[in-house]
Protein backbone atom coordinates (compact mmCIF):
# COMPACT_ATOMS: atom_id res chain seq x y z
CA MET A 1 -108.71 60.83 -88.68
CA ALA A 2 -108.78 62.73 -86.24
CA ALA A 3 -108.80 60.17 -83.17
CA THR A 4 -105.65 58.27 -84.56
CA THR A 5 -103.99 62.27 -85.06
CA SER A 6 -104.43 62.59 -80.96
CA ALA A 7 -103.45 59.68 -80.19
CA VAL A 8 -100.28 59.71 -81.86
CA ALA A 9 -99.64 63.34 -80.68
CA ALA A 10 -100.47 61.88 -77.61
CA HIS A 11 -97.73 59.11 -77.76
CA ALA A 12 -94.81 61.45 -79.04
CA ALA A 13 -95.82 63.77 -75.92
CA ALA A 14 -94.95 60.38 -73.59
CA THR A 15 -92.12 59.25 -75.60
CA ALA A 16 -90.82 63.27 -75.25
CA ASP A 17 -91.13 63.42 -71.21
CA ALA A 18 -89.46 60.05 -70.66
CA THR A 19 -86.54 60.97 -73.31
CA GLU A 20 -86.35 64.36 -71.65
CA GLU A 21 -85.75 62.34 -67.91
CA GLN A 22 -83.20 60.01 -69.21
CA GLU A 23 -81.22 62.96 -70.36
CA GLU A 24 -81.75 64.44 -67.09
CA LYS A 25 -80.28 60.92 -65.07
CA ALA A 26 -77.28 60.79 -68.46
CA GLN A 27 -76.10 64.31 -66.78
CA ASP A 28 -75.22 63.21 -63.67
CA PRO A 29 -71.92 60.31 -63.17
CA PRO A 30 -72.78 56.82 -61.83
CA PRO A 31 -72.84 56.83 -58.02
CA LEU A 32 -69.41 56.66 -56.29
CA SER A 33 -68.38 53.00 -54.66
CA ARG A 34 -67.05 53.31 -51.50
CA GLN A 35 -63.29 52.97 -52.19
CA GLN A 36 -63.77 55.85 -54.85
CA SER A 37 -65.79 58.40 -52.04
CA PHE A 38 -62.98 57.74 -49.40
CA LEU A 39 -60.62 59.26 -51.96
CA GLN A 40 -62.83 61.73 -53.56
CA GLY A 41 -63.53 63.09 -49.72
CA VAL A 42 -67.82 62.48 -51.58
CA PRO A 43 -70.31 61.52 -48.23
CA HIS A 44 -71.61 57.80 -49.29
CA SER A 45 -75.16 57.20 -49.10
CA PRO A 46 -75.72 55.14 -45.87
CA GLN A 47 -77.04 51.36 -46.86
CA GLY A 48 -77.12 50.44 -43.64
CA GLY A 49 -75.25 49.41 -40.24
CA CYS A 50 -75.33 51.37 -37.34
CA CYS A 51 -71.79 52.58 -38.09
CA ALA A 52 -70.61 53.51 -41.81
CA LEU A 53 -67.63 54.65 -42.30
CA LEU A 54 -66.12 56.38 -45.08
CA LEU A 55 -64.15 53.84 -46.63
CA ASP A 56 -60.45 54.40 -45.26
CA SER A 57 -56.86 53.62 -46.32
CA HIS A 58 -56.98 50.31 -45.41
CA ALA A 59 -59.75 49.59 -48.00
CA VAL A 60 -56.68 51.02 -50.40
CA TYR A 61 -53.85 48.85 -48.26
CA HIS A 62 -55.66 45.65 -48.71
CA GLY A 63 -56.49 46.54 -52.25
CA LEU A 64 -60.27 45.90 -52.10
CA GLU A 65 -62.27 46.44 -55.14
CA ASP A 66 -64.68 49.10 -55.89
CA ASP A 67 -68.46 47.53 -55.61
CA PRO A 68 -70.75 49.86 -55.71
CA ASP A 69 -73.55 47.27 -54.03
CA GLU A 70 -71.00 47.42 -50.89
CA PRO A 71 -72.85 48.80 -47.35
CA THR A 72 -70.59 52.32 -46.08
CA TYR A 73 -71.20 52.78 -42.05
CA ILE A 74 -71.94 56.48 -40.54
CA PRO A 75 -71.10 56.94 -37.05
CA THR A 76 -74.19 57.45 -35.10
CA SER A 77 -72.59 58.06 -31.10
CA LEU A 78 -70.12 59.86 -29.64
CA ALA A 79 -67.96 56.92 -29.36
CA GLN A 80 -67.92 55.60 -32.86
CA LYS A 81 -67.08 59.20 -34.32
CA LEU A 82 -64.41 58.93 -31.36
CA PHE A 83 -63.14 56.11 -33.32
CA LEU A 84 -63.26 56.82 -36.75
CA ILE A 85 -61.40 60.32 -35.39
CA LEU A 86 -58.30 58.39 -34.28
CA GLU A 87 -58.63 55.32 -36.90
CA ASP A 88 -58.98 57.17 -40.26
CA PRO A 89 -57.02 60.32 -41.06
CA ASN A 90 -59.45 61.18 -43.73
CA TYR A 91 -62.85 60.20 -41.77
CA ASN A 92 -63.23 64.35 -40.79
CA CYS A 93 -61.24 67.22 -40.66
CA THR A 94 -60.57 66.67 -37.30
CA ALA A 95 -59.32 63.49 -37.88
CA GLN A 96 -56.75 65.03 -40.21
CA LEU A 97 -55.97 67.54 -37.52
CA VAL A 98 -55.24 64.82 -35.07
CA SER A 99 -52.82 62.29 -37.22
CA ILE A 100 -51.14 65.32 -38.51
CA VAL A 101 -49.94 66.06 -34.29
CA ILE A 102 -49.66 62.35 -33.98
CA LEU A 103 -46.97 62.74 -37.04
CA LEU A 104 -45.05 65.56 -35.45
CA LEU A 105 -45.16 64.21 -31.96
CA ILE A 106 -43.48 60.99 -33.46
CA VAL A 107 -41.15 62.94 -35.61
CA LEU A 108 -40.22 65.49 -31.89
CA GLY A 109 -39.10 61.56 -30.15
CA CYS A 110 -37.23 60.46 -33.01
CA ILE A 111 -35.17 63.77 -33.32
CA THR A 112 -34.50 63.84 -29.20
CA TYR A 113 -33.93 60.45 -29.19
CA VAL A 114 -31.09 61.51 -31.56
CA MET A 115 -30.21 64.26 -29.23
CA GLU A 116 -30.10 62.43 -26.26
CA SER A 117 -26.92 61.03 -27.28
CA MET A 118 -24.75 64.46 -27.94
CA ARG A 119 -22.61 65.30 -25.48
CA ALA A 120 -23.58 69.02 -25.65
CA PHE A 121 -27.51 67.66 -24.01
CA GLN A 122 -25.64 65.81 -21.31
CA TYR A 123 -24.37 66.29 -17.92
CA VAL A 124 -23.09 64.27 -15.01
CA LYS A 125 -24.97 64.48 -11.66
CA ASP A 126 -23.37 66.80 -9.11
CA ARG A 127 -23.07 63.41 -6.20
CA CYS A 128 -20.58 62.25 -9.19
CA ASP A 129 -17.85 63.89 -6.73
CA ARG A 130 -18.44 62.14 -4.26
CA MET A 131 -18.13 58.97 -4.86
CA ASP A 132 -16.29 56.21 -6.65
CA PRO A 133 -15.86 57.27 -10.39
CA LYS A 134 -16.18 54.13 -11.59
CA ALA A 135 -19.89 54.43 -10.46
CA GLY A 136 -23.01 54.06 -12.50
CA ASP A 137 -23.28 57.92 -10.96
CA CYS A 138 -20.70 59.63 -12.81
CA GLU A 139 -22.07 58.52 -16.47
CA PRO A 140 -22.76 60.96 -18.53
CA VAL A 141 -26.92 60.96 -18.92
CA ALA A 142 -29.27 63.56 -21.08
CA LYS A 143 -30.79 66.89 -19.51
CA PRO A 144 -33.93 66.08 -17.93
CA ILE A 145 -35.85 68.12 -20.53
CA PHE A 146 -35.84 65.43 -22.56
CA PHE A 147 -37.27 62.80 -20.39
CA ARG A 148 -40.31 65.53 -20.03
CA ILE A 149 -41.13 65.54 -23.20
CA GLU A 150 -40.72 62.02 -23.89
CA ALA A 151 -43.35 61.66 -20.93
CA VAL A 152 -45.61 64.33 -22.56
CA CYS A 153 -45.62 62.40 -26.73
CA ILE A 154 -45.59 59.01 -24.42
CA GLY A 155 -49.16 60.44 -22.79
CA VAL A 156 -50.78 61.03 -25.66
CA PHE A 157 -49.85 58.03 -27.42
CA THR A 158 -50.71 55.67 -24.61
CA VAL A 159 -53.88 58.20 -24.42
CA GLU A 160 -54.04 57.30 -28.00
CA TYR A 161 -53.73 53.83 -27.86
CA VAL A 162 -56.54 53.14 -25.41
CA LEU A 163 -59.00 55.30 -26.27
CA ARG A 164 -59.14 52.95 -29.37
CA ILE A 165 -58.72 49.66 -27.70
CA VAL A 166 -61.83 50.71 -25.52
CA LEU A 167 -63.89 51.61 -28.54
CA VAL A 168 -63.23 49.21 -30.81
CA GLY A 169 -65.88 47.25 -29.24
CA ILE A 170 -68.81 49.43 -30.60
CA VAL A 171 -68.40 49.56 -33.73
CA PRO A 172 -68.65 47.34 -36.59
CA GLU A 173 -65.92 45.24 -37.74
CA GLN A 174 -66.02 46.44 -40.90
CA CYS A 175 -65.00 49.83 -39.89
CA TRP A 176 -61.49 49.25 -39.11
CA ASN A 177 -61.14 45.79 -41.29
CA PRO A 178 -62.76 46.27 -44.70
CA THR A 179 -61.88 42.54 -45.52
CA SER A 180 -64.11 41.04 -42.60
CA LYS A 181 -67.75 39.61 -43.95
CA GLN A 182 -69.44 38.89 -41.09
CA GLU A 183 -69.75 40.44 -37.20
CA ARG A 184 -67.61 38.76 -34.63
CA PRO A 185 -68.00 38.34 -30.95
CA ARG A 186 -66.90 41.49 -28.89
CA TRP A 187 -64.31 39.83 -27.34
CA LYS A 188 -62.82 38.04 -30.97
CA ARG A 189 -62.62 41.47 -32.69
CA LEU A 190 -61.35 43.26 -29.47
CA ARG A 191 -58.14 40.54 -29.76
CA ALA A 192 -58.11 40.84 -33.74
CA TYR A 193 -57.67 44.66 -33.71
CA ALA A 194 -55.11 44.29 -31.08
CA LEU A 195 -53.03 42.00 -33.26
CA GLN A 196 -52.65 43.78 -35.99
CA PRO A 197 -49.71 44.57 -36.83
CA MET A 198 -49.61 48.84 -36.71
CA ASN A 199 -51.55 48.14 -33.43
CA VAL A 200 -48.66 45.77 -32.33
CA VAL A 201 -46.06 48.56 -33.09
CA ASP A 202 -47.99 50.89 -31.16
CA LEU A 203 -48.17 49.24 -28.20
CA VAL A 204 -44.30 48.26 -28.55
CA ALA A 205 -43.02 51.86 -29.18
CA ILE A 206 -45.21 53.06 -25.31
CA LEU A 207 -44.32 49.97 -23.31
CA PRO A 208 -40.00 50.66 -22.76
CA PHE A 209 -41.04 53.83 -21.73
CA TYR A 210 -43.42 52.71 -18.50
CA ILE A 211 -40.65 49.75 -17.89
CA GLY A 212 -37.73 52.49 -17.40
CA LEU A 213 -40.38 54.30 -15.22
CA PHE A 214 -41.20 51.64 -12.70
CA ASP A 215 -37.36 49.58 -13.31
CA LEU A 216 -38.94 47.13 -14.82
CA GLY A 217 -36.09 46.20 -17.01
CA GLY A 218 -32.54 45.31 -15.21
CA GLY A 219 -29.87 46.21 -17.12
CA GLY A 220 -31.39 45.42 -19.94
CA PHE A 221 -33.12 49.02 -20.47
CA GLY A 222 -30.99 50.64 -23.15
CA VAL A 223 -31.48 48.23 -25.34
CA LEU A 224 -35.34 48.67 -25.12
CA ARG A 225 -35.01 52.15 -24.92
CA ILE A 226 -34.30 51.50 -29.64
CA VAL A 227 -37.84 50.24 -30.12
CA ARG A 228 -39.11 53.33 -29.35
CA LEU A 229 -38.19 54.26 -32.48
CA ALA A 230 -40.55 51.57 -33.54
CA ARG A 231 -43.00 53.98 -33.91
CA ALA A 232 -41.99 55.84 -37.23
CA LEU A 233 -43.60 53.15 -38.42
CA ARG A 234 -47.12 55.04 -37.24
CA MET A 235 -46.36 57.06 -40.55
CA ALA A 236 -47.62 54.27 -42.70
CA ARG A 237 -51.32 55.06 -41.65
CA SER A 238 -50.64 58.82 -43.71
CA PRO A 239 -52.66 58.43 -47.00
CA LYS A 240 -49.94 59.52 -48.91
CA VAL A 241 -47.43 57.40 -47.31
CA ALA A 242 -50.14 54.07 -47.19
CA GLY A 243 -50.88 54.60 -50.93
CA SER A 244 -46.58 54.93 -51.05
CA VAL A 245 -46.36 51.66 -48.84
CA ALA A 246 -49.13 50.15 -51.20
CA VAL A 247 -47.07 50.78 -54.44
CA PHE A 248 -44.11 49.69 -53.09
CA GLY A 249 -45.78 46.87 -51.10
CA LYS A 250 -47.18 45.35 -55.20
CA ALA A 251 -44.08 46.11 -56.47
CA MET A 252 -42.29 43.45 -54.44
CA TYR A 253 -44.88 41.07 -54.53
CA ALA A 254 -44.85 41.03 -58.17
CA SER A 255 -41.08 40.61 -57.91
CA SER A 256 -41.34 37.60 -55.16
CA PRO A 257 -40.17 35.10 -58.16
CA ALA A 258 -37.04 37.17 -59.00
CA LEU A 259 -36.40 37.46 -55.22
CA GLY A 260 -36.33 33.90 -54.67
CA ILE A 261 -33.94 33.17 -57.65
CA LEU A 262 -31.43 35.68 -56.35
CA PHE A 263 -31.25 34.31 -52.73
CA PHE A 264 -31.54 30.76 -53.94
CA PHE A 265 -28.58 31.62 -56.02
CA SER A 266 -26.75 34.02 -53.28
CA MET A 267 -26.93 31.44 -50.74
CA MET A 268 -25.07 28.81 -53.38
CA ALA A 269 -22.23 31.71 -54.07
CA PHE A 270 -21.88 31.97 -50.23
CA VAL A 271 -21.31 28.59 -49.52
CA LEU A 272 -18.93 28.01 -52.45
CA ALA A 273 -16.92 30.64 -52.21
CA GLY A 274 -16.09 31.36 -48.98
CA SER A 275 -15.39 27.56 -48.84
CA ILE A 276 -13.17 28.30 -51.85
CA ILE A 277 -10.98 31.63 -50.31
CA PHE A 278 -10.89 29.92 -46.61
CA MET A 279 -8.74 26.59 -48.61
CA PHE A 280 -6.52 29.61 -50.37
CA GLU A 281 -6.62 32.21 -47.24
CA ARG A 282 -6.72 30.06 -44.14
CA GLY A 283 -2.56 29.07 -44.35
CA HIS A 284 -1.20 26.87 -42.10
CA PHE A 285 -1.61 25.79 -38.47
CA SER A 286 2.15 26.76 -36.84
CA THR A 287 3.39 25.75 -33.31
CA ASP A 288 6.66 27.67 -33.58
CA GLU A 289 7.05 29.76 -30.17
CA ALA A 290 8.53 32.85 -32.83
CA TYR A 291 4.87 33.26 -33.63
CA ARG A 292 3.15 32.25 -30.38
CA ASP A 293 2.73 36.65 -29.41
CA LEU A 294 1.88 37.14 -32.55
CA CYS A 295 -1.08 34.43 -32.18
CA ARG A 296 -1.43 35.74 -28.83
CA ARG A 297 -2.18 39.58 -30.05
CA SER A 298 -4.22 37.89 -33.31
CA GLU A 299 -7.96 39.84 -32.86
CA HIS A 300 -9.26 36.00 -34.08
CA ASP A 301 -9.39 32.68 -32.97
CA TYR A 302 -6.76 30.68 -30.95
CA THR A 303 -5.45 27.98 -29.41
CA PRO A 304 -2.89 27.88 -27.02
CA HIS A 305 -0.70 25.67 -28.92
CA GLY A 306 -0.70 27.57 -32.22
CA CYS A 307 -2.89 29.61 -34.67
CA TYR A 308 -2.81 29.50 -38.58
CA LEU A 309 -0.39 31.79 -40.39
CA ARG A 310 -0.75 33.49 -44.36
CA GLN A 311 1.88 36.18 -45.83
CA THR A 312 1.31 39.38 -45.94
CA THR A 313 0.73 41.99 -48.81
CA ASP A 314 4.46 41.67 -49.71
CA GLY A 315 4.89 38.33 -48.90
CA LEU A 316 7.94 38.71 -46.62
CA GLN A 317 6.37 38.54 -43.12
CA MET A 318 4.00 36.41 -41.92
CA GLU A 319 0.60 37.00 -40.28
CA ALA A 320 -2.28 35.87 -38.18
CA SER A 321 -4.79 34.54 -40.88
CA PRO A 322 -8.41 36.03 -40.35
CA TYR A 323 -10.35 33.49 -42.48
CA VAL A 324 -10.25 31.22 -39.45
CA ASN A 325 -13.71 28.83 -40.83
CA ILE A 326 -16.32 29.57 -42.98
CA PRO A 327 -18.72 31.39 -41.90
CA ILE A 328 -16.28 34.01 -41.83
CA SER A 329 -15.12 33.70 -45.24
CA MET A 330 -18.79 33.47 -46.57
CA TYR A 331 -19.21 37.32 -44.84
CA TRP A 332 -16.13 38.18 -46.90
CA VAL A 333 -17.75 37.03 -49.43
CA VAL A 334 -21.30 38.76 -48.82
CA VAL A 335 -19.43 42.51 -48.24
CA THR A 336 -17.06 41.84 -51.83
CA MET A 337 -20.27 40.64 -53.69
CA THR A 338 -22.22 43.09 -52.80
CA THR A 339 -19.01 45.75 -53.54
CA THR A 340 -19.28 46.59 -50.17
CA GLY A 341 -15.51 46.28 -49.47
CA TYR A 342 -15.14 47.24 -45.49
CA GLY A 343 -11.88 46.13 -45.57
CA ASP A 344 -11.73 44.08 -42.57
CA LEU A 345 -11.11 41.19 -44.74
CA TYR A 346 -8.73 40.99 -47.84
CA PRO A 347 -7.58 38.06 -49.65
CA THR A 348 -3.40 38.18 -49.35
CA SER A 349 -2.29 35.40 -51.61
CA THR A 350 -2.93 35.05 -55.76
CA GLY A 351 -5.78 32.33 -55.73
CA GLY A 352 -7.77 34.08 -52.97
CA ARG A 353 -7.33 37.61 -54.97
CA ILE A 354 -8.57 35.93 -58.30
CA ILE A 355 -11.51 33.95 -56.20
CA SER A 356 -12.09 37.89 -55.05
CA ILE A 357 -12.30 39.17 -59.02
CA LEU A 358 -14.40 36.26 -59.64
CA VAL A 359 -16.58 37.01 -56.68
CA VAL A 360 -17.23 40.52 -57.65
CA TYR A 361 -18.01 39.89 -60.61
CA MET A 362 -20.57 37.29 -59.77
CA GLY A 363 -22.24 39.52 -57.90
CA ILE A 364 -23.17 42.33 -60.02
CA ILE A 365 -24.15 39.92 -62.24
CA ALA A 366 -26.49 38.44 -59.71
CA ILE A 367 -27.40 41.32 -58.23
CA ALA A 368 -28.31 43.49 -61.90
CA LEU A 369 -31.27 41.37 -63.11
CA PRO A 370 -33.15 41.63 -60.26
CA ILE A 371 -32.81 44.99 -59.65
CA THR A 372 -34.22 45.24 -63.30
CA VAL A 373 -37.55 42.89 -62.90
CA ILE A 374 -38.34 44.55 -59.39
CA GLY A 375 -37.47 48.40 -61.10
CA THR A 376 -39.61 47.03 -64.10
CA ASN A 377 -42.36 45.95 -61.95
CA PHE A 378 -42.45 49.42 -59.26
CA THR A 379 -42.52 51.73 -62.67
CA ARG A 380 -45.63 49.80 -64.12
CA GLU A 381 -47.60 49.76 -60.30
CA TYR A 382 -46.50 53.38 -59.74
CA ASP A 383 -48.14 54.24 -63.31
CA ALA A 384 -51.35 52.19 -62.46
CA TYR A 385 -51.21 54.43 -59.19
CA ARG A 386 -51.65 57.70 -60.97
CA GLU A 387 -53.60 56.95 -63.60
CA MET A 388 -56.56 56.04 -60.76
CA GLU A 389 -55.51 59.14 -59.50
CA ARG A 390 -56.15 60.69 -61.86
CA ARG A 391 -59.36 59.09 -63.18
CA LEU A 392 -60.66 59.42 -59.27
CA ALA A 393 -60.20 63.23 -59.75
CA GLU A 394 -62.09 62.82 -62.58
CA LYS A 395 -64.63 61.38 -61.39
CA LYS A 396 -64.72 63.67 -58.01
CA LYS A 397 -64.60 67.38 -60.45
CA LEU A 398 -67.85 65.40 -62.26
CA ARG A 399 -69.48 64.25 -58.89
CA TRP A 400 -69.25 68.13 -57.29
CA LYS A 401 -70.27 69.62 -60.71
CA ALA A 402 -73.36 67.70 -60.62
CA SER A 403 -74.09 68.19 -56.47
CA LEU A 404 -73.58 72.10 -57.37
CA ARG A 405 -75.88 71.79 -60.17
CA ARG A 406 -78.43 70.15 -58.78
CA VAL A 407 -78.23 72.71 -55.93
CA VAL A 408 -78.64 75.67 -58.66
CA LYS A 409 -81.63 73.44 -59.66
CA ASN A 410 -83.38 72.77 -56.71
CA THR A 411 -83.28 77.10 -55.55
CA PRO A 412 -86.82 78.95 -56.03
CA GLY A 413 -85.55 80.06 -59.97
CA GLY A 414 -82.14 79.16 -59.58
CA LYS A 415 -81.97 77.34 -63.56
CA GLY A 416 -79.00 76.98 -65.93
CA LYS A 417 -76.02 75.59 -65.54
CA VAL A 418 -72.81 76.26 -63.12
CA GLY A 419 -69.88 77.31 -64.15
CA ALA A 420 -70.67 78.78 -67.05
CA ALA A 421 -73.16 80.88 -69.20
CA PRO A 422 -76.79 79.42 -69.81
CA SER A 423 -77.08 78.50 -72.64
CA PRO A 424 -80.40 77.56 -75.12
CA PRO A 425 -81.76 74.27 -74.65
CA ALA A 426 -80.64 71.24 -76.60
CA LYS A 427 -83.37 70.01 -79.91
CA ASN A 428 -85.20 67.50 -78.66
CA PRO A 429 -86.28 65.29 -82.26
CA ASP A 430 -89.06 64.43 -80.40
CA LYS A 431 -90.20 67.28 -78.99
CA GLU A 432 -89.98 69.00 -83.08
CA LEU A 433 -92.12 65.92 -84.04
CA LEU A 434 -95.16 66.45 -81.67
CA GLU A 435 -94.64 70.30 -82.61
CA GLN A 436 -95.40 68.89 -86.10
CA LEU A 437 -98.31 66.67 -85.30
CA ARG A 438 -99.78 69.93 -83.44
CA SER A 439 -99.34 71.90 -86.68
CA THR A 440 -100.77 68.96 -89.05
CA LEU A 441 -103.44 68.62 -86.90
CA HIS A 442 -104.90 72.09 -86.53
CA GLN A 443 -104.66 72.85 -90.27
CA GLN A 444 -106.67 69.74 -90.53
CA LYS A 445 -109.16 71.60 -88.54
CA LEU A 446 -109.33 74.17 -89.83
CA GLY A 447 -109.93 72.82 -93.59
CA LEU A 448 -113.08 70.62 -91.58
CA GLU A 449 -114.36 73.71 -91.05
CA GLU A 450 -114.00 75.31 -94.51
CA ILE A 451 -114.82 71.96 -96.19
CA SER A 452 -118.34 72.20 -93.55
CA ALA A 453 -118.67 76.20 -94.82
CA LYS A 454 -118.28 75.57 -98.30
CA VAL A 455 -121.09 72.55 -97.50
CA GLU A 456 -123.53 74.56 -95.90
CA GLY A 457 -123.21 77.35 -98.29
CA ILE A 458 -124.64 74.83 -101.21
CA ALA A 459 -126.97 73.23 -99.56
CA ALA A 460 -128.71 76.90 -98.97
CA ARG A 461 -128.29 77.48 -102.04
CA VAL A 462 -129.98 73.97 -103.41
CA LEU A 463 -132.48 74.59 -100.89
CA LYS A 464 -133.49 78.27 -102.28
CA THR A 465 -133.73 76.42 -106.15
């Protein structure tokens, strides 16, 4: 019986130790996936590879799902760290600082571009007085300070772009393309990286400056300068902006069937209503000499022999009709259906005015229905995005508490719960059972000793008699 009791006690002790280990493991939250570790800013344990990266905004933008077994990468060289600093604003504090500086330079470049067009910040060259006033030197130009500011901004953008292009070949492709399944040759990775939309935008934003600097644009440089504003699209690299762009993109993608219906019926309405208003408002073609000067002064198309005439709004005079073809009439339909109404084209006939009323109501109905669908999808995607942020914030809080708990536990003499007063340990049923068995065994041992003493006393008395 004593042997059986000892075996039961040993089994209970082993069960209690195993239960205690399970409780300690249960106190820690489950390991974070790549996407969660990126959003929470918690380092992820490397599982292989030479350059592992906390999942950056590319993964959120591409909609990658959480996968705890997906390998993450940490940089192992200075070049890899530099690439991640320039590529991922969430890599570390230095990357965030670089991203902020780039964004400030983008905003500064946009502001200076606007200020250059203002007369208060322009001047006329001194040699204009000694030349023909019609020459190009008399055209007002922006003050030199704006060129210096632009040169500094373009210089920073160029260095940042060239460094990323040069360093992309020494890092694994998953560092900047989470959807990649296998490594490709270096030149293919370089081509794929350079052709990414945001990198193309970066290149297009800096090229006009060098084209104008070396006078390679000819007479079309003025148009190329507008392309400089394309660098404003780089703001989409910001994590906050990237999340908003992803929500908007998902909402528009979910609304694509409704947008397709809107586009189809709108095109039908443009052609049909444009043709009808053209027939009502074109008027009649006149070759009368009395209206020849009127046709010649008209801003619309006319032939040497005459033009199309229609009555004015009061019906007392004639004027050249602006509805000279169906494309122009379709333009009027677009402006009217969207309730914009620039006023450059307007009907004067009774039939044309009736058509305009129908077009306005048709535009309101055609636009209102898809907009409702888009609004519903946007609300759903935005709520899902906020819910994801809330859940990740809770997991982040639990993760950091678990980390601090382990630090305190591993500290010599440090035991207890972080953020609260020490509390008594929770009761363990297996431990209580073990104590009961030990107490029973002890009592049984005492009982056997007492019985043995009584037996010895009786035996002694028997021997004496």
